[in-house]
C-alpha atoms as a PDB file:
ATOM      1  CA  MET A   1     -14.450-106.483 -53.396  1.00  0.00           C
ATOM      2  CA  SER A   2     -17.017-103.732 -53.701  1.00  0.00           C
ATOM      3  CA  ALA A   3     -17.618-101.385 -50.799  1.00  0.00           C
ATOM      4  CA  LYS A   4     -20.801-101.226 -48.769  1.00  0.00           C
ATOM      5  CA  ILE A   5     -22.512 -97.894 -49.409  1.00  0.00           C
ATOM      6  CA  ILE A   6     -23.122 -95.748 -46.330  1.00  0.00           C
ATOM      7  CA  ASP A   7     -26.528 -94.278 -47.150  1.00  0.00           C
ATOM      8  CA  GLY A   8     -26.633 -90.764 -45.701  1.00  0.00           C
ATOM      9  CA  LYS A   9     -30.256 -90.278 -46.707  1.00  0.00           C
ATOM     10  CA  LYS A  10     -31.326 -93.345 -44.732  1.00  0.00           C
ATOM     11  CA  ILE A  11     -29.276 -92.478 -41.641  1.00  0.00           C
ATOM     12  CA  ALA A  12     -30.527 -88.874 -41.719  1.00  0.00           C
ATOM     13  CA  ALA A  13     -34.128 -90.086 -42.050  1.00  0.00           C
ATOM     14  CA  ASP A  14     -33.687 -92.402 -39.059  1.00  0.00           C
ATOM     15  CA  ILE A  15     -32.317 -89.575 -36.898  1.00  0.00           C
ATOM     16  CA  ARG A  16     -35.129 -87.250 -37.954  1.00  0.00           C
ATOM     17  CA  GLU A  17     -37.702 -89.842 -36.910  1.00  0.00           C
ATOM     18  CA  GLU A  18     -35.997 -90.036 -33.510  1.00  0.00           C
ATOM     19  CA  LEU A  19     -36.063 -86.232 -33.261  1.00  0.00           C
ATOM     20  CA  LYS A  20     -39.725 -86.087 -34.298  1.00  0.00           C
ATOM     21  CA  ALA A  21     -40.566 -88.364 -31.367  1.00  0.00           C
ATOM     22  CA  GLU A  22     -38.498 -86.179 -29.001  1.00  0.00           C
ATOM     23  CA  VAL A  23     -40.224 -83.026 -30.224  1.00  0.00           C
ATOM     24  CA  ALA A  24     -43.641 -84.633 -29.737  1.00  0.00           C
ATOM     25  CA  ALA A  25     -42.689 -85.539 -26.148  1.00  0.00           C
ATOM     26  CA  LEU A  26     -41.463 -81.981 -25.509  1.00  0.00           C
ATOM     27  CA  LYS A  27     -44.721 -80.528 -26.843  1.00  0.00           C
ATOM     28  CA  GLU A  28     -46.603 -82.567 -24.246  1.00  0.00           C
ATOM     29  CA  GLN A  29     -44.668 -80.455 -21.715  1.00  0.00           C
ATOM     30  CA  ASN A  30     -45.559 -77.254 -23.628  1.00  0.00           C
ATOM     31  CA  ILE A  31     -42.010 -76.961 -24.963  1.00  0.00           C
ATOM     32  CA  ILE A  32     -41.648 -76.183 -28.669  1.00  0.00           C
ATOM     33  CA  PRO A  33     -38.055 -76.051 -29.963  1.00  0.00           C
ATOM     34  CA  GLY A  34     -37.463 -72.937 -32.059  1.00  0.00           C
ATOM     35  CA  LEU A  35     -34.865 -72.126 -34.720  1.00  0.00           C
ATOM     36  CA  GLY A  36     -34.201 -68.568 -35.831  1.00  0.00           C
ATOM     37  CA  VAL A  37     -32.912 -68.403 -39.403  1.00  0.00           C
ATOM     38  CA  ILE A  38     -31.330 -65.335 -40.992  1.00  0.00           C
ATOM     39  CA  LEU A  39     -30.512 -65.112 -44.704  1.00  0.00           C
ATOM     40  CA  VAL A  40     -28.953 -61.921 -46.050  1.00  0.00           C
ATOM     41  CA  GLY A  41     -29.020 -61.456 -49.808  1.00  0.00           C
ATOM     42  CA  GLU A  42     -30.186 -63.618 -52.687  1.00  0.00           C
ATOM     43  CA  ASP A  43     -27.425 -66.165 -53.226  1.00  0.00           C
ATOM     44  CA  PRO A  44     -29.247 -69.075 -54.976  1.00  0.00           C
ATOM     45  CA  ALA A  45     -27.327 -71.808 -53.145  1.00  0.00           C
ATOM     46  CA  SER A  46     -27.985 -70.167 -49.777  1.00  0.00           C
ATOM     47  CA  GLN A  47     -31.661 -69.685 -50.597  1.00  0.00           C
ATOM     48  CA  SER A  48     -32.008 -73.339 -51.541  1.00  0.00           C
ATOM     49  CA  TYR A  49     -30.197 -74.451 -48.393  1.00  0.00           C
ATOM     50  CA  VAL A  50     -32.301 -72.254 -46.095  1.00  0.00           C
ATOM     51  CA  SER A  51     -35.510 -73.460 -47.754  1.00  0.00           C
ATOM     52  CA  ALA A  52     -34.435 -77.056 -47.112  1.00  0.00           C
ATOM     53  CA  LYS A  53     -33.793 -76.228 -43.441  1.00  0.00           C
ATOM     54  CA  GLU A  54     -37.213 -74.603 -43.099  1.00  0.00           C
ATOM     55  CA  LYS A  55     -38.878 -77.661 -44.643  1.00  0.00           C
ATOM     56  CA  ALA A  56     -36.923 -79.970 -42.315  1.00  0.00           C
ATOM     57  CA  CYS A  57     -38.017 -77.966 -39.258  1.00  0.00           C
ATOM     58  CA  LYS A  58     -41.662 -78.242 -40.286  1.00  0.00           C
ATOM     59  CA  ASN A  59     -41.273 -81.966 -40.895  1.00  0.00           C
ATOM     60  CA  ILE A  60     -40.225 -82.751 -37.326  1.00  0.00           C
ATOM     61  CA  GLY A  61     -42.330 -80.084 -35.607  1.00  0.00           C
ATOM     62  CA  ILE A  62     -39.742 -77.390 -34.821  1.00  0.00           C
ATOM     63  CA  PHE A  63     -40.856 -73.741 -34.873  1.00  0.00           C
ATOM     64  CA  SER A  64     -38.898 -71.819 -37.517  1.00  0.00           C
ATOM     65  CA  ASP A  65     -38.577 -68.023 -37.404  1.00  0.00           C
ATOM     66  CA  ASP A  66     -37.406 -67.176 -40.922  1.00  0.00           C
ATOM     67  CA  ASN A  67     -35.829 -63.817 -41.709  1.00  0.00           C
ATOM     68  CA  ARG A  68     -34.815 -63.053 -45.297  1.00  0.00           C
ATOM     69  CA  LEU A  69     -33.038 -59.715 -45.516  1.00  0.00           C
ATOM     70  CA  SER A  70     -31.904 -57.645 -48.486  1.00  0.00           C
ATOM     71  CA  ALA A  71     -28.266 -57.719 -49.562  1.00  0.00           C
ATOM     72  CA  ASP A  72     -27.815 -54.086 -48.485  1.00  0.00           C
ATOM     73  CA  THR A  73     -28.742 -54.824 -44.857  1.00  0.00           C
ATOM     74  CA  SER A  74     -26.188 -53.131 -42.610  1.00  0.00           C
ATOM     75  CA  GLU A  75     -24.021 -54.935 -40.085  1.00  0.00           C
ATOM     76  CA  GLU A  76     -25.680 -52.883 -37.345  1.00  0.00           C
ATOM     77  CA  GLU A  77     -29.152 -54.035 -38.428  1.00  0.00           C
ATOM     78  CA  LEU A  78     -28.042 -57.648 -38.532  1.00  0.00           C
ATOM     79  CA  LEU A  79     -26.453 -57.421 -35.078  1.00  0.00           C
ATOM     80  CA  LYS A  80     -29.703 -55.950 -33.754  1.00  0.00           C
ATOM     81  CA  LEU A  81     -31.698 -58.885 -35.133  1.00  0.00           C
ATOM     82  CA  VAL A  82     -29.251 -61.397 -33.640  1.00  0.00           C
ATOM     83  CA  ASP A  83     -29.576 -59.636 -30.275  1.00  0.00           C
ATOM     84  CA  GLN A  84     -33.367 -59.866 -30.471  1.00  0.00           C
ATOM     85  CA  MET A  85     -33.122 -63.604 -31.102  1.00  0.00           C
ATOM     86  CA  ASN A  86     -30.639 -64.007 -28.240  1.00  0.00           C
ATOM     87  CA  LYS A  87     -33.282 -62.551 -25.898  1.00  0.00           C
ATOM     88  CA  ASP A  88     -36.298 -64.356 -27.380  1.00  0.00           C
ATOM     89  CA  PRO A  89     -37.233 -67.404 -25.236  1.00  0.00           C
ATOM     90  CA  LYS A  90     -39.062 -68.959 -28.202  1.00  0.00           C
ATOM     91  CA  ILE A  91     -35.752 -69.248 -30.079  1.00  0.00           C
ATOM     92  CA  ASN A  92     -33.439 -72.070 -28.972  1.00  0.00           C
ATOM     93  CA  GLY A  93     -31.074 -71.956 -31.925  1.00  0.00           C
ATOM     94  CA  ILE A  94     -29.824 -69.194 -34.204  1.00  0.00           C
ATOM     95  CA  LEU A  95     -28.584 -69.841 -37.729  1.00  0.00           C
ATOM     96  CA  VAL A  96     -27.005 -67.050 -39.745  1.00  0.00           C
ATOM     97  CA  GLN A  97     -26.530 -68.429 -43.252  1.00  0.00           C
ATOM     98  CA  LEU A  98     -23.037 -67.927 -44.647  1.00  0.00           C
ATOM     99  CA  PRO A  99     -21.537 -66.404 -46.695  1.00  0.00           C
ATOM    100  CA  LEU A 100     -22.652 -62.889 -45.771  1.00  0.00           C
ATOM    101  CA  PRO A 101     -22.275 -59.845 -48.069  1.00  0.00           C
ATOM    102  CA  LYS A 102     -18.742 -58.473 -48.105  1.00  0.00           C
ATOM    103  CA  HIS A 103     -19.619 -55.322 -46.158  1.00  0.00           C
ATOM    104  CA  ILE A 104     -20.589 -57.419 -43.106  1.00  0.00           C
ATOM    105  CA  ASN A 105     -17.950 -58.850 -40.758  1.00  0.00           C
ATOM    106  CA  GLU A 106     -18.853 -62.544 -40.475  1.00  0.00           C
ATOM    107  CA  ALA A 107     -16.676 -63.062 -37.386  1.00  0.00           C
ATOM    108  CA  ALA A 108     -18.441 -60.220 -35.557  1.00  0.00           C
ATOM    109  CA  ILE A 109     -21.860 -61.685 -36.349  1.00  0.00           C
ATOM    110  CA  LEU A 110     -20.935 -65.211 -35.241  1.00  0.00           C
ATOM    111  CA  LEU A 111     -19.385 -63.841 -32.052  1.00  0.00           C
ATOM    112  CA  ALA A 112     -22.614 -61.954 -31.285  1.00  0.00           C
ATOM    113  CA  ILE A 113     -24.682 -65.160 -31.183  1.00  0.00           C
ATOM    114  CA  ASP A 114     -25.404 -66.411 -27.669  1.00  0.00           C
ATOM    115  CA  PRO A 115     -23.193 -69.530 -27.275  1.00  0.00           C
ATOM    116  CA  ASP A 116     -26.204 -71.294 -25.729  1.00  0.00           C
ATOM    117  CA  LYS A 117     -28.058 -70.791 -29.039  1.00  0.00           C
ATOM    118  CA  ASP A 118     -25.123 -71.429 -31.376  1.00  0.00           C
ATOM    119  CA  VAL A 119     -26.555 -74.546 -33.038  1.00  0.00           C
ATOM    120  CA  ASP A 120     -24.013 -74.316 -35.873  1.00  0.00           C
ATOM    121  CA  GLY A 121     -21.243 -74.875 -33.309  1.00  0.00           C
ATOM    122  CA  PHE A 122     -19.045 -72.078 -34.680  1.00  0.00           C
ATOM    123  CA  HIS A 123     -18.843 -69.729 -31.678  1.00  0.00           C
ATOM    124  CA  PRO A 124     -15.275 -69.660 -30.276  1.00  0.00           C
ATOM    125  CA  MET A 125     -16.587 -70.626 -26.845  1.00  0.00           C
ATOM    126  CA  ASN A 126     -18.213 -73.770 -28.204  1.00  0.00           C
ATOM    127  CA  VAL A 127     -15.196 -74.573 -30.366  1.00  0.00           C
ATOM    128  CA  GLY A 128     -13.062 -74.360 -27.200  1.00  0.00           C
ATOM    129  CA  LYS A 129     -15.426 -76.663 -25.295  1.00  0.00           C
ATOM    130  CA  MET A 130     -15.287 -79.161 -28.152  1.00  0.00           C
ATOM    131  CA  MET A 131     -11.493 -79.067 -28.086  1.00  0.00           C
ATOM    132  CA  VAL A 132     -11.308 -79.983 -24.384  1.00  0.00           C
ATOM    133  CA  GLY A 133     -14.084 -82.566 -24.608  1.00  0.00           C
ATOM    134  CA  GLU A 134     -16.816 -80.708 -22.736  1.00  0.00           C
ATOM    135  CA  GLU A 135     -20.458 -81.086 -23.721  1.00  0.00           C
ATOM    136  CA  THR A 136     -21.372 -78.460 -26.319  1.00  0.00           C
ATOM    137  CA  PHE A 137     -22.922 -77.954 -29.733  1.00  0.00           C
ATOM    138  CA  LEU A 138     -20.853 -79.855 -32.275  1.00  0.00           C
ATOM    139  CA  PRO A 139     -20.458 -78.465 -35.820  1.00  0.00           C
ATOM    140  CA  CYS A 140     -23.110 -80.089 -37.962  1.00  0.00           C
ATOM    141  CA  THR A 141     -21.197 -81.632 -40.866  1.00  0.00           C
ATOM    142  CA  PRO A 142     -18.384 -83.158 -38.738  1.00  0.00           C
ATOM    143  CA  HIS A 143     -20.943 -84.435 -36.241  1.00  0.00           C
ATOM    144  CA  GLY A 144     -22.846 -85.962 -39.139  1.00  0.00           C
ATOM    145  CA  VAL A 145     -19.691 -87.786 -40.247  1.00  0.00           C
ATOM    146  CA  VAL A 146     -19.183 -89.211 -36.749  1.00  0.00           C
ATOM    147  CA  GLN A 147     -22.809 -90.333 -36.600  1.00  0.00           C
ATOM    148  CA  MET A 148     -22.474 -92.079 -39.959  1.00  0.00           C
ATOM    149  CA  LEU A 149     -19.450 -94.013 -38.751  1.00  0.00           C
ATOM    150  CA  GLN A 150     -21.141 -95.017 -35.495  1.00  0.00           C
ATOM    151  CA  ARG A 151     -24.451 -96.008 -37.066  1.00  0.00           C
ATOM    152  CA  SER A 152     -22.685 -98.031 -39.772  1.00  0.00           C
ATOM    153  CA  GLY A 153     -20.817-100.056 -37.156  1.00  0.00           C
ATOM    154  CA  VAL A 154     -17.380 -98.692 -38.094  1.00  0.00           C
ATOM    155  CA  GLU A 155     -14.955 -99.061 -35.162  1.00  0.00           C
ATOM    156  CA  THR A 156     -13.014 -95.878 -34.523  1.00  0.00           C
ATOM    157  CA  SER A 157     -11.276 -96.847 -31.291  1.00  0.00           C
ATOM    158  CA  GLY A 158      -7.618 -97.466 -32.110  1.00  0.00           C
ATOM    159  CA  ALA A 159      -8.206 -96.841 -35.811  1.00  0.00           C
ATOM    160  CA  HIS A 160      -5.900 -94.616 -37.840  1.00  0.00           C
ATOM    161  CA  VAL A 161      -8.015 -91.830 -39.330  1.00  0.00           C
ATOM    162  CA  VAL A 162      -6.548 -89.592 -42.025  1.00  0.00           C
ATOM    163  CA  VAL A 163      -8.439 -86.342 -42.580  1.00  0.00           C
ATOM    164  CA  VAL A 164      -7.711 -84.583 -45.872  1.00  0.00           C
ATOM    165  CA  GLY A 165      -8.498 -80.886 -45.419  1.00  0.00           C
ATOM    166  CA  ARG A 166      -8.019 -78.464 -42.524  1.00  0.00           C
ATOM    167  CA  SER A 167     -11.014 -76.124 -42.764  1.00  0.00           C
ATOM    168  CA  ASN A 168     -12.612 -74.744 -39.606  1.00  0.00           C
ATOM    169  CA  ILE A 169     -15.952 -76.119 -40.800  1.00  0.00           C
ATOM    170  CA  VAL A 170     -15.001 -79.783 -41.391  1.00  0.00           C
ATOM    171  CA  GLY A 171     -11.351 -80.825 -41.246  1.00  0.00           C
ATOM    172  CA  LYS A 172     -10.206 -79.425 -37.919  1.00  0.00           C
ATOM    173  CA  PRO A 173     -13.383 -80.210 -35.950  1.00  0.00           C
ATOM    174  CA  VAL A 174     -13.825 -83.777 -37.246  1.00  0.00           C
ATOM    175  CA  ALA A 175     -10.187 -84.531 -36.440  1.00  0.00           C
ATOM    176  CA  ASN A 176     -10.674 -83.209 -32.920  1.00  0.00           C
ATOM    177  CA  MET A 177     -13.940 -85.071 -32.382  1.00  0.00           C
ATOM    178  CA  LEU A 178     -12.440 -88.412 -33.403  1.00  0.00           C
ATOM    179  CA  LEU A 179      -9.427 -88.160 -31.109  1.00  0.00           C
ATOM    180  CA  GLN A 180     -11.515 -87.458 -27.995  1.00  0.00           C
ATOM    181  CA  LYS A 181     -11.405 -89.975 -25.147  1.00  0.00           C
ATOM    182  CA  LYS A 182     -14.976 -91.203 -25.518  1.00  0.00           C
ATOM    183  CA  ASP A 183     -17.155 -93.769 -27.287  1.00  0.00           C
ATOM    184  CA  GLY A 184     -17.277 -93.271 -31.034  1.00  0.00           C
ATOM    185  CA  ALA A 185     -13.836 -91.668 -31.019  1.00  0.00           C
ATOM    186  CA  ASN A 186     -10.470 -92.750 -29.493  1.00  0.00           C
ATOM    187  CA  ALA A 187      -8.857 -92.737 -32.934  1.00  0.00           C
ATOM    188  CA  THR A 188      -5.293 -91.898 -33.913  1.00  0.00           C
ATOM    189  CA  VAL A 189      -5.729 -88.945 -36.254  1.00  0.00           C
ATOM    190  CA  THR A 190      -3.486 -87.553 -38.988  1.00  0.00           C
ATOM    191  CA  LEU A 191      -4.585 -84.208 -40.446  1.00  0.00           C
ATOM    192  CA  CYS A 192      -3.362 -83.558 -43.999  1.00  0.00           C
ATOM    193  CA  HIS A 193      -3.637 -80.396 -46.110  1.00  0.00           C
ATOM    194  CA  THR A 194      -2.248 -78.553 -49.123  1.00  0.00           C
ATOM    195  CA  ARG A 195       1.261 -78.381 -47.626  1.00  0.00           C
ATOM    196  CA  THR A 196       1.412 -82.069 -46.750  1.00  0.00           C
ATOM    197  CA  LYS A 197       4.287 -83.832 -48.475  1.00  0.00           C
ATOM    198  CA  ASP A 198       3.325 -87.093 -50.219  1.00  0.00           C
ATOM    199  CA  LEU A 199      -0.377 -87.206 -49.315  1.00  0.00           C
ATOM    200  CA  SER A 200      -0.717 -90.762 -50.579  1.00  0.00           C
ATOM    201  CA  TYR A 201       1.912 -91.962 -48.068  1.00  0.00           C
ATOM    202  CA  HIS A 202      -0.482 -90.986 -45.287  1.00  0.00           C
ATOM    203  CA  THR A 203      -3.750 -92.084 -46.891  1.00  0.00           C
ATOM    204  CA  ARG A 204      -2.382 -95.566 -47.687  1.00  0.00           C
ATOM    205  CA  GLN A 205      -1.888 -96.115 -43.950  1.00  0.00           C
ATOM    206  CA  ALA A 206      -5.417 -95.066 -43.042  1.00  0.00           C
ATOM    207  CA  ASP A 207      -8.116 -97.353 -41.709  1.00  0.00           C
ATOM    208  CA  ILE A 208     -10.550 -94.483 -42.252  1.00  0.00           C
ATOM    209  CA  ILE A 209     -10.149 -91.633 -44.757  1.00  0.00           C
ATOM    210  CA  ILE A 210     -12.251 -88.482 -44.452  1.00  0.00           C
ATOM    211  CA  ALA A 211     -11.896 -86.408 -47.617  1.00  0.00           C
ATOM    212  CA  ALA A 212     -12.783 -82.731 -47.212  1.00  0.00           C
ATOM    213  CA  SER A 213     -10.398 -80.960 -49.585  1.00  0.00           C
ATOM    214  CA  GLY A 214     -12.869 -79.302 -51.916  1.00  0.00           C
ATOM    215  CA  TRP A 215     -11.257 -80.730 -55.070  1.00  0.00           C
ATOM    216  CA  PRO A 216     -12.536 -83.598 -57.273  1.00  0.00           C
ATOM    217  CA  ASN A 217     -10.452 -86.788 -57.315  1.00  0.00           C
ATOM    218  CA  THR A 218      -8.198 -85.714 -54.465  1.00  0.00           C
ATOM    219  CA  VAL A 219      -8.339 -89.331 -53.270  1.00  0.00           C
ATOM    220  CA  THR A 220      -7.782 -91.977 -55.937  1.00  0.00           C
ATOM    221  CA  ALA A 221      -7.758 -95.771 -55.771  1.00  0.00           C
ATOM    222  CA  GLU A 222      -3.973 -96.109 -55.466  1.00  0.00           C
ATOM    223  CA  MET A 223      -4.106 -93.885 -52.379  1.00  0.00           C
ATOM    224  CA  VAL A 224      -6.433 -96.250 -50.492  1.00  0.00           C
ATOM    225  CA  LYS A 225      -5.500 -99.533 -48.847  1.00  0.00           C
ATOM    226  CA  ASP A 226      -7.767-102.544 -49.236  1.00  0.00           C
ATOM    227  CA  GLY A 227     -10.643-102.522 -46.763  1.00  0.00           C
ATOM    228  CA  ALA A 228     -10.367 -98.885 -45.728  1.00  0.00           C
ATOM    229  CA  VAL A 229     -13.483 -96.861 -44.860  1.00  0.00           C
ATOM    230  CA  VAL A 230     -13.844 -93.753 -47.046  1.00  0.00           C
ATOM    231  CA  ILE A 231     -16.030 -90.800 -46.096  1.00  0.00           C
ATOM    232  CA  ASP A 232     -16.376 -88.203 -48.866  1.00  0.00           C
ATOM    233  CA  VAL A 233     -17.453 -84.775 -47.598  1.00  0.00           C
ATOM    234  CA  GLY A 234     -16.772 -82.922 -50.860  1.00  0.00           C
ATOM    235  CA  VAL A 235     -19.400 -81.569 -53.248  1.00  0.00           C
ATOM    236  CA  ASN A 236     -17.973 -80.299 -56.549  1.00  0.00           C
ATOM    237  CA  ARG A 237     -19.503 -79.371 -59.885  1.00  0.00           C
ATOM    238  CA  VAL A 238     -17.794 -80.819 -62.940  1.00  0.00           C
ATOM    239  CA  GLU A 239     -18.783 -80.156 -66.534  1.00  0.00           C
ATOM    240  CA  ASP A 240     -20.861 -82.907 -68.130  1.00  0.00           C
ATOM    241  CA  ALA A 241     -22.311 -82.220 -71.580  1.00  0.00           C
ATOM    242  CA  SER A 242     -24.487 -85.334 -71.322  1.00  0.00           C
ATOM    243  CA  ARG A 243     -26.503 -83.740 -68.511  1.00  0.00           C
ATOM    244  CA  GLU A 244     -29.280 -81.256 -69.267  1.00  0.00           C
ATOM    245  CA  ARG A 245     -27.901 -78.786 -66.726  1.00  0.00           C
ATOM    246  CA  GLY A 246     -24.391 -79.148 -68.168  1.00  0.00           C
ATOM    247  CA  TYR A 247     -22.716 -80.455 -65.018  1.00  0.00           C
ATOM    248  CA  ARG A 248     -22.826 -83.202 -62.409  1.00  0.00           C
ATOM    249  CA  LEU A 249     -21.969 -83.333 -58.729  1.00  0.00           C
ATOM    250  CA  VAL A 250     -18.976 -85.333 -57.548  1.00  0.00           C
ATOM    251  CA  GLY A 251     -17.080 -85.601 -54.282  1.00  0.00           C
ATOM    252  CA  ASP A 252     -13.394 -85.371 -53.451  1.00  0.00           C
ATOM    253  CA  VAL A 253     -12.962 -89.131 -54.001  1.00  0.00           C
ATOM    254  CA  ASP A 254     -12.762 -91.076 -57.273  1.00  0.00           C
ATOM    255  CA  PHE A 255     -15.851 -93.021 -56.252  1.00  0.00           C
ATOM    256  CA  ASP A 256     -16.053 -95.621 -59.026  1.00  0.00           C
ATOM    257  CA  ALA A 257     -12.449 -96.750 -58.574  1.00  0.00           C
ATOM    258  CA  VAL A 258     -12.180 -96.426 -54.801  1.00  0.00           C
ATOM    259  CA  LYS A 259     -15.385 -98.384 -54.097  1.00  0.00           C
ATOM    260  CA  GLU A 260     -13.648-101.476 -55.493  1.00  0.00           C
ATOM    261  CA  LYS A 261     -11.019-101.294 -52.702  1.00  0.00           C
ATOM    262  CA  ALA A 262     -12.866 -99.794 -49.728  1.00  0.00           C
ATOM    263  CA  SER A 263     -14.998-101.720 -47.243  1.00  0.00           C
ATOM    264  CA  PHE A 264     -17.406 -98.780 -46.735  1.00  0.00           C
ATOM    265  CA  ILE A 265     -17.824 -95.619 -48.790  1.00  0.00           C
ATOM    266  CA  THR A 266     -20.185 -92.641 -48.954  1.00  0.00           C
ATOM    267  CA  PRO A 267     -21.657 -91.522 -52.290  1.00  0.00           C
ATOM    268  CA  VAL A 268     -21.995 -87.952 -53.569  1.00  0.00           C
ATOM    269  CA  PRO A 269     -24.736 -86.902 -53.572  1.00  0.00           C
ATOM    270  CA  GLY A 270     -26.628 -88.860 -50.920  1.00  0.00           C
ATOM    271  CA  GLY A 271     -23.818 -89.370 -48.433  1.00  0.00           C
ATOM    272  CA  VAL A 272     -22.689 -86.753 -45.927  1.00  0.00           C
ATOM    273  CA  GLY A 273     -24.880 -83.978 -47.371  1.00  0.00           C
ATOM    274  CA  PRO A 274     -28.229 -85.014 -45.842  1.00  0.00           C
ATOM    275  CA  MET A 275     -26.592 -85.271 -42.410  1.00  0.00           C
ATOM    276  CA  THR A 276     -25.724 -81.571 -42.091  1.00  0.00           C
ATOM    277  CA  ILE A 277     -29.267 -80.228 -41.756  1.00  0.00           C
ATOM    278  CA  THR A 278     -30.219 -83.225 -39.627  1.00  0.00           C
ATOM    279  CA  MET A 279     -27.531 -82.440 -37.057  1.00  0.00           C
ATOM    280  CA  LEU A 280     -28.664 -78.799 -37.030  1.00  0.00           C
ATOM    281  CA  LEU A 281     -32.108 -80.065 -36.014  1.00  0.00           C
ATOM    282  CA  PHE A 282     -30.444 -82.323 -33.429  1.00  0.00           C
ATOM    283  CA  ASN A 283     -28.638 -79.343 -31.888  1.00  0.00           C
ATOM    284  CA  THR A 284     -31.814 -77.240 -31.839  1.00  0.00           C
ATOM    285  CA  VAL A 285     -33.795 -79.926 -30.021  1.00  0.00           C
ATOM    286  CA  ASN A 286     -30.958 -80.405 -27.530  1.00  0.00           C
ATOM    287  CA  SER A 287     -30.820 -76.635 -26.958  1.00  0.00           C
ATOM    288  CA  ALA A 288     -34.516 -76.589 -26.118  1.00  0.00           C
ATOM    289  CA  LYS A 289     -34.018 -79.448 -23.666  1.00  0.00           C
ATOM    290  CA  ARG A 290     -31.087 -77.710 -21.974  1.00  0.00           C
ATOM    291  CA  ALA A 291     -33.023 -74.444 -21.701  1.00  0.00           C
ATOM    292  CA  ASN A 292     -35.737 -76.315 -19.824  1.00  0.00           C
ATOM    293  CA  GLY A 293     -33.432 -78.359 -17.583  1.00  0.00           C
ATOM    294  CA  ILE A 294     -34.016 -81.639 -19.413  1.00  0.00           C
ATOM    295  CA  ASN A 295     -31.030 -83.979 -19.845  1.00  0.00           C
END
């Protein structure tokens, strides 16, 4: 048996086409969704990521207010800019690209963002709403994982999901989202981490494995039961002398071996990655609709 590949690029493209149609309909009502983007410093990965977000906004018709600040920008200056965006009616979503320089308190910046414009879904108020099942902005990568499962026809209701990794960005929120009492969830969830004893004992029982550990080959073939669904959130660089750049990207799952046992699997790259920016766009469009009383 060889697993069916869950194509994140295709699913992301489908969602973006849906969003493009929504944005066009909003523009007919003189509503233009706006995303405020703040990048502090010159981290190459962050610059590349922000550029991709700006391109994605343009592609579906969202207004993007891009602010690239020097690495020596003070916390006070950054807070002032966030406050300006909070008050700007043209801005429906605010994205402060992380990580920030060490002299800036990330928690203070995230807390300063208006929860109604927190399209990353990281504000404690929105995290709390997610926990109790209220409507709110869902964190982009976990929401992307849930969308991939739903749009691939994977049944989560009653399924045993094992999440490997307990980060605030992926592990904890995706576990919470999948145990909610609603369509596309209703799973029994086990959350594993670095202190879990005998990880493979848990993963071998899983109908769905979500790997978000941040380490290559965390999940190997002997840890996966036949027919399981495997979602690989990890992106890791490993040395590869055969590549011109000297490395290749791999996930947290031993893809080549596990795909021979799984029923569905996501590749790296081309799996979960494209979904993150797409769900950011989704949240921004929804924010614009909420701000204008549109359900």
